[in-house]
Amino acid sequence: MRTKAFTLAEVLITLAIIGIVAALTIPGLMQSYKQKEYSTRLKKFYSTMQQAIQLSEIDNGEVTTWNLPAVAYDDENNYDYSTNYMEVKDWLNKYLLPYLNYSKVTDGDYDEETGTQKQSVTVYFLDGSKLGTFLSANYLDLYYDVNGDKQPDTVGRANFAFSFSKSYGFTTYLRQNVSSREDALNKCKNLTAYCSTLLLYDGWEFKDDYPYKL
């Protein structure tokens, strides 16, 4: 009696087909997974920050009364990193950190010898994501990195820009300069910091026309 079986050629052809199908579908599945993961973290972050500010207002008054630090400059009129990051840390300790759940806070990458720094104070959340802060004129620039210290950390792909001011409170990057979803999309294409505003319009979902792959 003859036993039916696959030939070696048939097995190899089948494996090749499976490999081709996997190569075509896995990148799309990974992209979809990342989009859902990032979307979930952004929603949680945005909600957490809003709740923290509401709690802080009970103790510290409305955000319009919160005094942001003035930007300090050195004798040569250069941005004074050392002074500014300490001012930001004091501000965070008073207005935000008591109302947030976080794992640690670091002073950023300030180097006294070179006088350079990438960001002022970094807040690490329990899920591994982090919030970097930087003092600008009349604003506190906030960069939320869904990956924490892992790569990638490119703005618009894994790092998303927010801001805090007395006039507008906590919002996406220069939200007041965006008039519509179409305007947000165009600005996101030209300056990735605006991509957080586009995502705000889309309920923190990455739509098909989002300009960048995660």
N, C-alpha and C. Protein backbone atom coordinates (compact mmCIF):
# COMPACT_ATOMS: atom_id res chain seq x y z
N MET A 1 0.84 -1.20 0.00
CA MET A 1 0.00 0.00 0.00
C MET A 1 0.87 1.25 0.00
N ARG A 2 0.55 2.18 -0.88
CA ARG A 2 1.33 3.41 -0.99
C ARG A 2 0.80 4.44 -0.01
N THR A 3 1.68 5.11 0.70
CA THR A 3 1.32 6.17 1.65
C THR A 3 1.39 7.53 0.96
N LYS A 4 0.30 8.31 1.09
CA LYS A 4 0.27 9.64 0.50
C LYS A 4 1.10 10.60 1.36
N ALA A 5 1.91 11.43 0.73
CA ALA A 5 2.73 12.40 1.46
C ALA A 5 3.09 13.55 0.53
N PHE A 6 3.50 14.65 1.16
CA PHE A 6 3.95 15.80 0.38
C PHE A 6 5.38 15.59 -0.07
N THR A 7 5.65 16.03 -1.26
CA THR A 7 7.03 15.99 -1.74
C THR A 7 7.81 17.15 -1.15
N LEU A 8 9.11 17.04 -1.20
CA LEU A 8 9.96 18.11 -0.69
C LEU A 8 9.69 19.41 -1.44
N ALA A 9 9.49 19.32 -2.72
CA ALA A 9 9.22 20.52 -3.53
C ALA A 9 7.93 21.20 -3.08
N GLU A 10 6.89 20.38 -2.81
CA GLU A 10 5.61 20.94 -2.36
C GLU A 10 5.76 21.64 -1.01
N VAL A 11 6.53 21.04 -0.09
CA VAL A 11 6.76 21.64 1.23
C VAL A 11 7.49 22.97 1.09
N LEU A 12 8.52 22.99 0.22
CA LEU A 12 9.29 24.21 0.03
C LEU A 12 8.44 25.32 -0.59
N ILE A 13 7.61 24.96 -1.53
CA ILE A 13 6.73 25.95 -2.16
C ILE A 13 5.75 26.52 -1.13
N THR A 14 5.20 25.63 -0.29
CA THR A 14 4.26 26.07 0.75
C THR A 14 4.93 27.03 1.73
N LEU A 15 6.15 26.68 2.16
CA LEU A 15 6.88 27.55 3.08
C LEU A 15 7.19 28.89 2.44
N ALA A 16 7.51 28.86 1.16
CA ALA A 16 7.81 30.11 0.45
C ALA A 16 6.58 31.01 0.40
N ILE A 17 5.43 30.40 0.14
CA ILE A 17 4.18 31.17 0.10
C ILE A 17 3.87 31.77 1.47
N ILE A 18 4.06 30.94 2.52
CA ILE A 18 3.82 31.44 3.88
C ILE A 18 4.76 32.61 4.19
N GLY A 19 6.02 32.49 3.76
CA GLY A 19 6.99 33.56 4.00
C GLY A 19 6.60 34.84 3.29
N ILE A 20 6.13 34.72 2.06
CA ILE A 20 5.72 35.90 1.29
C ILE A 20 4.52 36.57 1.95
N VAL A 21 3.54 35.76 2.34
CA VAL A 21 2.34 36.31 3.00
C VAL A 21 2.72 37.01 4.31
N ALA A 22 3.61 36.39 5.08
CA ALA A 22 4.05 36.98 6.35
C ALA A 22 4.78 38.30 6.11
N ALA A 23 5.64 38.33 5.09
CA ALA A 23 6.39 39.55 4.79
C ALA A 23 5.46 40.70 4.39
N LEU A 24 4.35 40.35 3.77
CA LEU A 24 3.40 41.38 3.33
C LEU A 24 2.49 41.85 4.45
N THR A 25 2.17 40.96 5.38
CA THR A 25 1.17 41.29 6.40
C THR A 25 1.75 41.73 7.74
N ILE A 26 2.90 41.19 8.14
CA ILE A 26 3.45 41.50 9.47
C ILE A 26 3.76 42.99 9.66
N PRO A 27 4.39 43.67 8.69
CA PRO A 27 4.64 45.11 8.88
C PRO A 27 3.35 45.90 9.13
N GLY A 28 2.30 45.56 8.41
CA GLY A 28 1.03 46.24 8.61
C GLY A 28 0.44 45.97 9.98
N LEU A 29 0.57 44.72 10.44
CA LEU A 29 0.08 44.39 11.77
C LEU A 29 0.87 45.09 12.85
N MET A 30 2.19 45.18 12.67
CA MET A 30 3.03 45.88 13.64
C MET A 30 2.70 47.36 13.69
N GLN A 31 2.46 47.95 12.52
CA GLN A 31 2.10 49.36 12.46
C GLN A 31 0.77 49.59 13.17
N SER A 32 -0.19 48.72 12.94
CA SER A 32 -1.50 48.84 13.58
C SER A 32 -1.38 48.70 15.10
N TYR A 33 -0.53 47.76 15.54
CA TYR A 33 -0.33 47.55 16.98
C TYR A 33 0.28 48.79 17.62
N LYS A 34 1.29 49.36 16.95
CA LYS A 34 1.93 50.57 17.48
C LYS A 34 0.93 51.72 17.56
N GLN A 35 0.14 51.88 16.52
CA GLN A 35 -0.84 52.96 16.52
C GLN A 35 -1.79 52.84 17.70
N LYS A 36 -2.27 51.63 17.95
CA LYS A 36 -3.20 51.43 19.06
C LYS A 36 -2.52 51.67 20.41
N GLU A 37 -1.28 51.18 20.53
CA GLU A 37 -0.53 51.36 21.78
C GLU A 37 -0.27 52.84 22.04
N TYR A 38 0.21 53.56 21.02
CA TYR A 38 0.52 54.98 21.18
C TYR A 38 -0.75 55.78 21.44
N SER A 39 -1.82 55.43 20.74
CA SER A 39 -3.09 56.12 20.92
C SER A 39 -3.58 55.97 22.36
N THR A 40 -3.49 54.76 22.89
CA THR A 40 -3.93 54.50 24.27
C THR A 40 -3.11 55.31 25.26
N ARG A 41 -1.81 55.36 25.06
CA ARG A 41 -0.94 56.10 25.99
C ARG A 41 -1.18 57.61 25.89
N LEU A 42 -1.40 58.10 24.69
CA LEU A 42 -1.66 59.53 24.53
C LEU A 42 -2.98 59.93 25.19
N LYS A 43 -4.00 59.11 25.02
CA LYS A 43 -5.28 59.38 25.66
C LYS A 43 -5.12 59.42 27.18
N LYS A 44 -4.40 58.43 27.71
CA LYS A 44 -4.19 58.36 29.15
C LYS A 44 -3.41 59.56 29.65
N PHE A 45 -2.35 59.93 28.93
CA PHE A 45 -1.53 61.08 29.33
C PHE A 45 -2.34 62.36 29.33
N TYR A 46 -3.08 62.60 28.27
CA TYR A 46 -3.86 63.84 28.15
C TYR A 46 -4.90 63.92 29.27
N SER A 47 -5.56 62.81 29.55
CA SER A 47 -6.56 62.78 30.62
C SER A 47 -5.90 62.97 31.99
N THR A 48 -4.76 62.31 32.19
CA THR A 48 -4.04 62.41 33.46
C THR A 48 -3.61 63.84 33.74
N MET A 49 -3.10 64.52 32.73
CA MET A 49 -2.65 65.90 32.90
C MET A 49 -3.82 66.83 33.21
N GLN A 50 -4.92 66.64 32.52
CA GLN A 50 -6.09 67.47 32.79
C GLN A 50 -6.60 67.27 34.21
N GLN A 51 -6.64 66.02 34.67
CA GLN A 51 -7.09 65.74 36.03
C GLN A 51 -6.14 66.33 37.06
N ALA A 52 -4.83 66.23 36.80
CA ALA A 52 -3.84 66.78 37.73
C ALA A 52 -4.00 68.30 37.85
N ILE A 53 -4.24 68.96 36.73
CA ILE A 53 -4.41 70.41 36.75
C ILE A 53 -5.68 70.80 37.51
N GLN A 54 -6.74 70.05 37.31
CA GLN A 54 -7.98 70.33 38.03
C GLN A 54 -7.78 70.18 39.54
N LEU A 55 -7.05 69.15 39.95
CA LEU A 55 -6.77 68.96 41.38
C LEU A 55 -5.88 70.08 41.90
N SER A 56 -4.90 70.47 41.11
CA SER A 56 -3.99 71.53 41.53
C SER A 56 -4.71 72.86 41.67
N GLU A 57 -5.69 73.09 40.82
CA GLU A 57 -6.43 74.35 40.90
C GLU A 57 -7.17 74.49 42.23
N ILE A 58 -7.55 73.37 42.83
CA ILE A 58 -8.22 73.41 44.13
C ILE A 58 -7.30 74.01 45.19
N ASP A 59 -6.00 73.65 45.09
CA ASP A 59 -5.03 74.12 46.08
C ASP A 59 -4.34 75.42 45.67
N ASN A 60 -4.17 75.63 44.36
CA ASN A 60 -3.33 76.75 43.90
C ASN A 60 -4.07 77.81 43.10
N GLY A 61 -5.39 77.67 42.97
CA GLY A 61 -6.15 78.64 42.21
C GLY A 61 -6.14 78.33 40.72
N GLU A 62 -6.86 79.11 39.94
CA GLU A 62 -6.96 78.87 38.50
C GLU A 62 -5.61 79.02 37.82
N VAL A 63 -5.47 78.31 36.70
CA VAL A 63 -4.18 78.30 36.00
C VAL A 63 -3.75 79.70 35.56
N THR A 64 -4.69 80.58 35.36
CA THR A 64 -4.35 81.95 34.94
C THR A 64 -3.57 82.69 36.02
N THR A 65 -3.58 82.16 37.24
CA THR A 65 -2.83 82.80 38.33
C THR A 65 -1.52 82.10 38.63
N TRP A 66 -1.25 80.98 37.93
CA TRP A 66 0.00 80.25 38.18
C TRP A 66 1.15 81.01 37.51
N ASN A 67 2.11 81.39 38.28
CA ASN A 67 3.23 82.18 37.76
C ASN A 67 4.29 81.28 37.14
N LEU A 68 4.38 81.33 35.83
CA LEU A 68 5.45 80.60 35.15
C LEU A 68 6.78 81.33 35.36
N PRO A 69 7.88 80.58 35.47
CA PRO A 69 9.18 81.23 35.63
C PRO A 69 9.52 82.08 34.41
N ALA A 70 10.21 83.18 34.66
CA ALA A 70 10.70 84.00 33.55
C ALA A 70 11.97 83.37 33.00
N VAL A 71 12.13 83.39 31.69
CA VAL A 71 13.31 82.81 31.07
C VAL A 71 14.54 83.62 31.45
N ALA A 72 15.56 82.93 31.93
CA ALA A 72 16.79 83.59 32.34
C ALA A 72 17.86 83.48 31.25
N TYR A 73 18.66 84.54 31.12
CA TYR A 73 19.76 84.56 30.17
C TYR A 73 21.06 84.91 30.90
N ASP A 74 22.18 84.43 30.37
CA ASP A 74 23.46 84.74 31.00
C ASP A 74 23.97 86.10 30.55
N ASP A 75 25.20 86.42 30.95
CA ASP A 75 25.76 87.75 30.65
C ASP A 75 25.95 87.98 29.16
N GLU A 76 26.04 86.89 28.39
CA GLU A 76 26.20 87.02 26.94
C GLU A 76 24.87 86.87 26.20
N ASN A 77 23.78 86.94 26.97
CA ASN A 77 22.42 86.87 26.42
C ASN A 77 22.11 85.51 25.80
N ASN A 78 22.74 84.48 26.33
CA ASN A 78 22.44 83.12 25.92
C ASN A 78 21.48 82.49 26.93
N TYR A 79 20.70 81.56 26.47
CA TYR A 79 19.75 80.86 27.35
C TYR A 79 20.50 80.23 28.51
N ASP A 80 20.10 80.57 29.73
CA ASP A 80 20.76 80.09 30.94
C ASP A 80 20.13 78.76 31.38
N TYR A 81 20.69 77.65 30.90
CA TYR A 81 20.12 76.33 31.17
C TYR A 81 20.08 76.02 32.67
N SER A 82 21.17 76.30 33.36
CA SER A 82 21.27 75.96 34.77
C SER A 82 20.16 76.61 35.58
N THR A 83 19.98 77.90 35.40
CA THR A 83 18.94 78.62 36.15
C THR A 83 17.55 78.16 35.73
N ASN A 84 17.34 78.02 34.45
CA ASN A 84 16.00 77.72 33.95
C ASN A 84 15.52 76.33 34.35
N TYR A 85 16.41 75.34 34.34
CA TYR A 85 15.90 74.01 34.68
C TYR A 85 15.57 73.91 36.17
N MET A 86 16.27 74.68 37.01
CA MET A 86 15.92 74.69 38.43
C MET A 86 14.59 75.40 38.66
N GLU A 87 14.34 76.46 37.90
CA GLU A 87 13.07 77.18 38.00
C GLU A 87 11.91 76.27 37.59
N VAL A 88 12.11 75.53 36.52
CA VAL A 88 11.08 74.60 36.05
C VAL A 88 10.82 73.52 37.08
N LYS A 89 11.88 73.00 37.69
CA LYS A 89 11.72 71.95 38.69
C LYS A 89 10.90 72.47 39.89
N ASP A 90 11.19 73.67 40.32
CA ASP A 90 10.42 74.26 41.43
C ASP A 90 8.96 74.43 41.05
N TRP A 91 8.71 74.84 39.81
CA TRP A 91 7.34 75.05 39.34
C TRP A 91 6.59 73.72 39.31
N LEU A 92 7.23 72.70 38.78
CA LEU A 92 6.60 71.38 38.72
C LEU A 92 6.32 70.83 40.12
N ASN A 93 7.26 71.04 41.04
CA ASN A 93 7.07 70.55 42.41
C ASN A 93 5.88 71.20 43.09
N LYS A 94 5.57 72.42 42.70
CA LYS A 94 4.45 73.12 43.32
C LYS A 94 3.13 72.81 42.64
N TYR A 95 3.11 72.85 41.30
CA TYR A 95 1.84 72.84 40.60
C TYR A 95 1.41 71.49 40.03
N LEU A 96 2.34 70.61 39.70
CA LEU A 96 1.94 69.38 38.99
C LEU A 96 2.33 68.09 39.69
N LEU A 97 3.57 67.96 40.11
CA LEU A 97 4.05 66.68 40.61
C LEU A 97 3.25 66.12 41.79
N PRO A 98 2.75 66.95 42.72
CA PRO A 98 1.96 66.38 43.82
C PRO A 98 0.66 65.72 43.36
N TYR A 99 0.25 65.97 42.13
CA TYR A 99 -1.04 65.48 41.63
C TYR A 99 -0.88 64.43 40.53
N LEU A 100 0.36 63.96 40.31
CA LEU A 100 0.65 62.96 39.31
C LEU A 100 1.21 61.70 39.95
N ASN A 101 0.93 60.55 39.35
CA ASN A 101 1.58 59.30 39.75
C ASN A 101 2.77 59.08 38.82
N TYR A 102 3.95 59.01 39.38
CA TYR A 102 5.15 58.87 38.57
C TYR A 102 6.17 58.03 39.32
N SER A 103 7.17 57.52 38.59
CA SER A 103 8.18 56.67 39.21
C SER A 103 9.41 57.44 39.66
N LYS A 104 9.81 58.44 38.86
CA LYS A 104 10.97 59.25 39.24
C LYS A 104 10.99 60.55 38.44
N VAL A 105 11.82 61.48 38.93
CA VAL A 105 12.03 62.75 38.24
C VAL A 105 13.53 62.97 38.13
N THR A 106 14.01 63.33 36.95
CA THR A 106 15.43 63.61 36.77
C THR A 106 15.62 65.03 36.29
N ASP A 107 16.84 65.51 36.44
CA ASP A 107 17.15 66.89 36.06
C ASP A 107 17.58 67.03 34.61
N GLY A 108 17.35 66.02 33.81
CA GLY A 108 17.67 66.13 32.39
C GLY A 108 19.13 65.89 32.10
N ASP A 109 19.61 66.42 31.00
CA ASP A 109 20.96 66.14 30.52
C ASP A 109 21.88 67.35 30.63
N TYR A 110 21.69 68.16 31.64
CA TYR A 110 22.49 69.38 31.78
C TYR A 110 23.95 69.04 32.11
N ASP A 111 24.86 69.66 31.38
CA ASP A 111 26.29 69.46 31.57
C ASP A 111 26.90 70.80 31.96
N GLU A 112 27.35 70.90 33.21
CA GLU A 112 27.87 72.18 33.69
C GLU A 112 29.12 72.62 32.93
N GLU A 113 29.93 71.66 32.49
CA GLU A 113 31.17 72.01 31.79
C GLU A 113 30.91 72.64 30.43
N THR A 114 29.97 72.05 29.70
CA THR A 114 29.68 72.56 28.35
C THR A 114 28.52 73.55 28.34
N GLY A 115 27.72 73.55 29.42
CA GLY A 115 26.57 74.47 29.47
C GLY A 115 25.47 74.08 28.52
N THR A 116 25.38 72.80 28.19
CA THR A 116 24.33 72.34 27.26
C THR A 116 23.36 71.43 27.97
N GLN A 117 22.16 71.40 27.43
CA GLN A 117 21.12 70.56 28.02
C GLN A 117 20.03 70.30 27.00
N LYS A 118 19.56 69.05 26.92
CA LYS A 118 18.52 68.70 25.97
C LYS A 118 17.14 69.06 26.50
N GLN A 119 16.96 68.91 27.79
CA GLN A 119 15.66 69.23 28.36
C GLN A 119 15.84 69.56 29.84
N SER A 120 14.87 70.22 30.41
CA SER A 120 15.02 70.67 31.78
C SER A 120 14.78 69.54 32.76
N VAL A 121 13.54 69.25 33.07
CA VAL A 121 13.21 68.22 34.04
C VAL A 121 12.41 67.14 33.33
N THR A 122 12.70 65.87 33.63
CA THR A 122 11.99 64.76 33.00
C THR A 122 11.22 63.98 34.04
N VAL A 123 9.93 63.78 33.78
CA VAL A 123 9.06 63.02 34.68
C VAL A 123 8.81 61.66 34.04
N TYR A 124 9.15 60.59 34.75
CA TYR A 124 8.92 59.23 34.26
C TYR A 124 7.65 58.68 34.88
N PHE A 125 6.74 58.21 34.03
CA PHE A 125 5.47 57.66 34.50
C PHE A 125 5.60 56.16 34.76
N LEU A 126 4.61 55.60 35.44
CA LEU A 126 4.67 54.21 35.86
C LEU A 126 4.68 53.23 34.69
N ASP A 127 4.14 53.64 33.54
CA ASP A 127 4.09 52.76 32.37
C ASP A 127 5.36 52.83 31.53
N GLY A 128 6.35 53.61 31.98
CA GLY A 128 7.61 53.70 31.25
C GLY A 128 7.71 54.90 30.32
N SER A 129 6.61 55.57 30.05
CA SER A 129 6.65 56.77 29.22
C SER A 129 7.22 57.93 30.05
N LYS A 130 7.56 59.03 29.38
CA LYS A 130 8.16 60.14 30.11
C LYS A 130 7.71 61.47 29.53
N LEU A 131 7.84 62.50 30.37
CA LEU A 131 7.47 63.86 29.99
C LEU A 131 8.68 64.75 30.18
N GLY A 132 9.20 65.29 29.08
CA GLY A 132 10.31 66.23 29.14
C GLY A 132 9.80 67.66 29.12
N THR A 133 10.45 68.53 29.88
CA THR A 133 9.99 69.92 30.00
C THR A 133 11.10 70.88 29.63
N PHE A 134 10.69 72.02 29.08
CA PHE A 134 11.67 73.01 28.63
C PHE A 134 11.01 74.38 28.70
N LEU A 135 11.68 75.35 29.28
CA LEU A 135 11.11 76.67 29.49
C LEU A 135 11.35 77.56 28.27
N SER A 136 10.25 78.10 27.72
CA SER A 136 10.32 79.08 26.64
C SER A 136 9.66 80.37 27.11
N ALA A 137 9.76 81.39 26.31
CA ALA A 137 9.15 82.67 26.67
C ALA A 137 7.64 82.51 26.77
N ASN A 138 7.09 82.73 27.95
CA ASN A 138 5.65 82.67 28.23
C ASN A 138 5.05 81.28 28.13
N TYR A 139 5.87 80.26 27.91
CA TYR A 139 5.37 78.89 27.76
C TYR A 139 6.27 77.92 28.50
N LEU A 140 5.67 76.80 28.84
CA LEU A 140 6.43 75.63 29.27
C LEU A 140 6.22 74.58 28.19
N ASP A 141 7.28 74.28 27.45
CA ASP A 141 7.19 73.27 26.39
C ASP A 141 7.26 71.89 27.02
N LEU A 142 6.33 71.02 26.63
CA LEU A 142 6.23 69.67 27.18
C LEU A 142 6.31 68.66 26.05
N TYR A 143 7.17 67.67 26.21
CA TYR A 143 7.31 66.64 25.18
C TYR A 143 7.05 65.28 25.81
N TYR A 144 5.95 64.66 25.39
CA TYR A 144 5.56 63.36 25.93
C TYR A 144 6.07 62.26 25.01
N ASP A 145 6.94 61.41 25.55
CA ASP A 145 7.55 60.32 24.78
C ASP A 145 6.92 59.01 25.21
N VAL A 146 6.15 58.40 24.33
CA VAL A 146 5.45 57.16 24.68
C VAL A 146 6.42 56.01 24.94
N ASN A 147 7.65 56.09 24.40
CA ASN A 147 8.64 55.02 24.55
C ASN A 147 9.57 55.23 25.74
N GLY A 148 9.45 56.32 26.45
CA GLY A 148 10.39 56.60 27.52
C GLY A 148 11.79 56.79 26.97
N ASP A 149 12.75 56.04 27.50
CA ASP A 149 14.14 56.16 27.05
C ASP A 149 14.46 55.29 25.84
N LYS A 150 13.50 54.52 25.37
CA LYS A 150 13.73 53.65 24.23
C LYS A 150 13.59 54.44 22.93
N GLN A 151 14.17 53.88 21.89
CA GLN A 151 14.04 54.45 20.55
C GLN A 151 12.85 53.82 19.83
N PRO A 152 12.24 54.50 18.86
CA PRO A 152 12.58 55.85 18.43
C PRO A 152 11.99 56.91 19.36
N ASP A 153 12.53 58.13 19.28
CA ASP A 153 11.99 59.22 20.07
C ASP A 153 11.75 60.47 19.22
N THR A 154 11.52 60.24 17.91
CA THR A 154 11.33 61.34 16.98
C THR A 154 10.00 62.04 17.23
N VAL A 155 10.02 63.37 17.21
CA VAL A 155 8.80 64.14 17.38
C VAL A 155 7.85 63.86 16.22
N GLY A 156 6.60 63.57 16.57
CA GLY A 156 5.61 63.24 15.56
C GLY A 156 5.45 61.75 15.32
N ARG A 157 6.41 60.96 15.81
CA ARG A 157 6.34 59.51 15.65
C ARG A 157 6.22 58.79 16.99
N ALA A 158 6.98 59.19 17.96
CA ALA A 158 6.87 58.59 19.30
C ALA A 158 6.92 59.65 20.39
N ASN A 159 7.29 60.85 20.01
CA ASN A 159 7.42 61.97 20.93
C ASN A 159 6.46 63.06 20.47
N PHE A 160 5.62 63.55 21.38
CA PHE A 160 4.55 64.45 20.96
C PHE A 160 4.56 65.72 21.81
N ALA A 161 4.44 66.86 21.12
CA ALA A 161 4.63 68.16 21.75
C ALA A 161 3.34 68.72 22.35
N PHE A 162 3.47 69.22 23.57
CA PHE A 162 2.39 69.90 24.28
C PHE A 162 2.95 71.19 24.85
N SER A 163 2.10 71.98 25.47
CA SER A 163 2.60 73.20 26.10
C SER A 163 1.68 73.61 27.24
N PHE A 164 2.23 74.46 28.10
CA PHE A 164 1.44 75.02 29.19
C PHE A 164 1.70 76.51 29.24
N SER A 165 0.63 77.28 29.34
CA SER A 165 0.75 78.73 29.50
C SER A 165 -0.37 79.22 30.40
N LYS A 166 -0.21 80.41 30.95
CA LYS A 166 -1.25 80.99 31.80
C LYS A 166 -2.50 81.29 31.00
N SER A 167 -2.32 81.65 29.74
CA SER A 167 -3.46 82.05 28.91
C SER A 167 -4.28 80.86 28.43
N TYR A 168 -3.60 79.75 28.09
CA TYR A 168 -4.30 78.62 27.47
C TYR A 168 -4.25 77.35 28.30
N GLY A 169 -3.55 77.38 29.42
CA GLY A 169 -3.45 76.19 30.24
C GLY A 169 -2.68 75.09 29.53
N PHE A 170 -3.02 73.84 29.81
CA PHE A 170 -2.37 72.69 29.19
C PHE A 170 -3.06 72.36 27.89
N THR A 171 -2.29 72.29 26.81
CA THR A 171 -2.86 71.98 25.51
C THR A 171 -1.77 71.43 24.60
N THR A 172 -2.16 71.08 23.38
CA THR A 172 -1.19 70.63 22.40
C THR A 172 -0.39 71.83 21.91
N TYR A 173 0.69 71.55 21.19
CA TYR A 173 1.63 72.59 20.78
C TYR A 173 0.94 73.72 20.01
N LEU A 174 0.96 74.92 20.59
CA LEU A 174 0.39 76.12 19.97
C LEU A 174 -0.99 75.85 19.36
N ARG A 175 -1.83 75.16 20.12
CA ARG A 175 -3.18 74.82 19.67
C ARG A 175 -3.95 76.04 19.19
N GLN A 176 -3.69 77.19 19.81
CA GLN A 176 -4.43 78.41 19.47
C GLN A 176 -4.12 78.91 18.06
N ASN A 177 -3.05 78.40 17.45
CA ASN A 177 -2.68 78.83 16.10
C ASN A 177 -3.28 77.95 15.00
N VAL A 178 -4.06 76.95 15.40
CA VAL A 178 -4.64 76.00 14.43
C VAL A 178 -6.13 76.23 14.34
N SER A 179 -6.62 76.42 13.12
CA SER A 179 -8.02 76.80 12.93
C SER A 179 -8.94 75.63 12.59
N SER A 180 -8.38 74.52 12.11
CA SER A 180 -9.22 73.41 11.68
C SER A 180 -8.39 72.13 11.60
N ARG A 181 -9.07 71.02 11.37
CA ARG A 181 -8.36 69.76 11.22
C ARG A 181 -7.45 69.79 9.99
N GLU A 182 -7.93 70.36 8.90
CA GLU A 182 -7.12 70.47 7.69
C GLU A 182 -5.88 71.32 7.95
N ASP A 183 -6.05 72.40 8.69
CA ASP A 183 -4.92 73.26 9.04
C ASP A 183 -3.93 72.48 9.90
N ALA A 184 -4.44 71.69 10.85
CA ALA A 184 -3.56 70.88 11.70
C ALA A 184 -2.78 69.86 10.89
N LEU A 185 -3.42 69.24 9.89
CA LEU A 185 -2.75 68.26 9.04
C LEU A 185 -1.63 68.92 8.25
N ASN A 186 -1.90 70.07 7.67
CA ASN A 186 -0.87 70.78 6.90
C ASN A 186 0.30 71.21 7.78
N LYS A 187 -0.02 71.71 8.97
CA LYS A 187 1.04 72.14 9.88
C LYS A 187 1.86 70.94 10.36
N CYS A 188 1.21 69.80 10.59
CA CYS A 188 1.90 68.59 11.02
C CYS A 188 2.90 68.14 9.95
N LYS A 189 2.54 68.27 8.69
CA LYS A 189 3.43 67.88 7.60
C LYS A 189 4.67 68.76 7.54
N ASN A 190 4.53 70.02 7.95
CA ASN A 190 5.64 70.98 7.84
C ASN A 190 6.43 71.13 9.13
N LEU A 191 5.77 70.89 10.27
CA LEU A 191 6.44 70.99 11.57
C LEU A 191 5.83 69.92 12.49
N THR A 192 6.62 68.90 12.80
CA THR A 192 6.08 67.72 13.49
C THR A 192 5.53 68.04 14.88
N ALA A 193 5.93 69.15 15.48
CA ALA A 193 5.40 69.50 16.80
C ALA A 193 3.88 69.68 16.75
N TYR A 194 3.35 70.06 15.58
CA TYR A 194 1.90 70.27 15.43
C TYR A 194 1.13 68.95 15.31
N CYS A 195 1.81 67.82 15.21
CA CYS A 195 1.11 66.55 15.02
C CYS A 195 0.24 66.19 16.22
N SER A 196 0.61 66.65 17.40
CA SER A 196 -0.23 66.38 18.57
C SER A 196 -1.58 67.07 18.44
N THR A 197 -1.60 68.25 17.82
CA THR A 197 -2.87 68.95 17.61
C THR A 197 -3.73 68.21 16.60
N LEU A 198 -3.10 67.65 15.56
CA LEU A 198 -3.84 66.84 14.60
C LEU A 198 -4.45 65.63 15.31
N LEU A 199 -3.69 64.99 16.16
CA LEU A 199 -4.20 63.83 16.90
C LEU A 199 -5.33 64.22 17.85
N LEU A 200 -5.24 65.41 18.42
CA LEU A 200 -6.33 65.90 19.28
C LEU A 200 -7.62 66.01 18.50
N TYR A 201 -7.56 66.53 17.28
CA TYR A 201 -8.74 66.61 16.40
C TYR A 201 -9.30 65.22 16.12
N ASP A 202 -8.43 64.23 16.04
CA ASP A 202 -8.85 62.87 15.68
C ASP A 202 -9.08 61.98 16.89
N GLY A 203 -9.23 62.58 18.07
CA GLY A 203 -9.50 61.78 19.27
C GLY A 203 -8.34 60.89 19.66
N TRP A 204 -7.11 61.33 19.34
CA TRP A 204 -5.88 60.60 19.63
C TRP A 204 -5.78 59.29 18.86
N GLU A 205 -6.48 59.22 17.73
CA GLU A 205 -6.37 58.08 16.84
C GLU A 205 -5.49 58.46 15.64
N PHE A 206 -4.72 57.50 15.14
CA PHE A 206 -3.88 57.74 13.97
C PHE A 206 -4.67 57.37 12.71
N LYS A 207 -5.18 58.38 12.04
CA LYS A 207 -5.99 58.16 10.85
C LYS A 207 -5.11 57.77 9.66
N ASP A 208 -5.77 57.35 8.59
CA ASP A 208 -5.03 56.87 7.40
C ASP A 208 -4.16 57.96 6.78
N ASP A 209 -4.54 59.23 6.95
CA ASP A 209 -3.77 60.30 6.35
C ASP A 209 -2.71 60.89 7.31
N TYR A 210 -2.50 60.23 8.46
CA TYR A 210 -1.45 60.71 9.35
C TYR A 210 -0.13 60.65 8.58
N PRO A 211 0.64 61.73 8.59
CA PRO A 211 1.77 61.84 7.64
C PRO A 211 2.96 60.92 7.91
N TYR A 212 3.06 60.34 9.09
CA TYR A 212 4.28 59.62 9.43
C TYR A 212 3.99 58.19 9.92
N LYS A 213 4.89 57.28 9.57
CA LYS A 213 4.80 55.92 10.07
C LYS A 213 5.44 55.85 11.46
N LEU A 214 4.84 55.10 12.34
CA LEU A 214 5.35 54.99 13.70
C LEU A 214 6.45 53.95 13.80
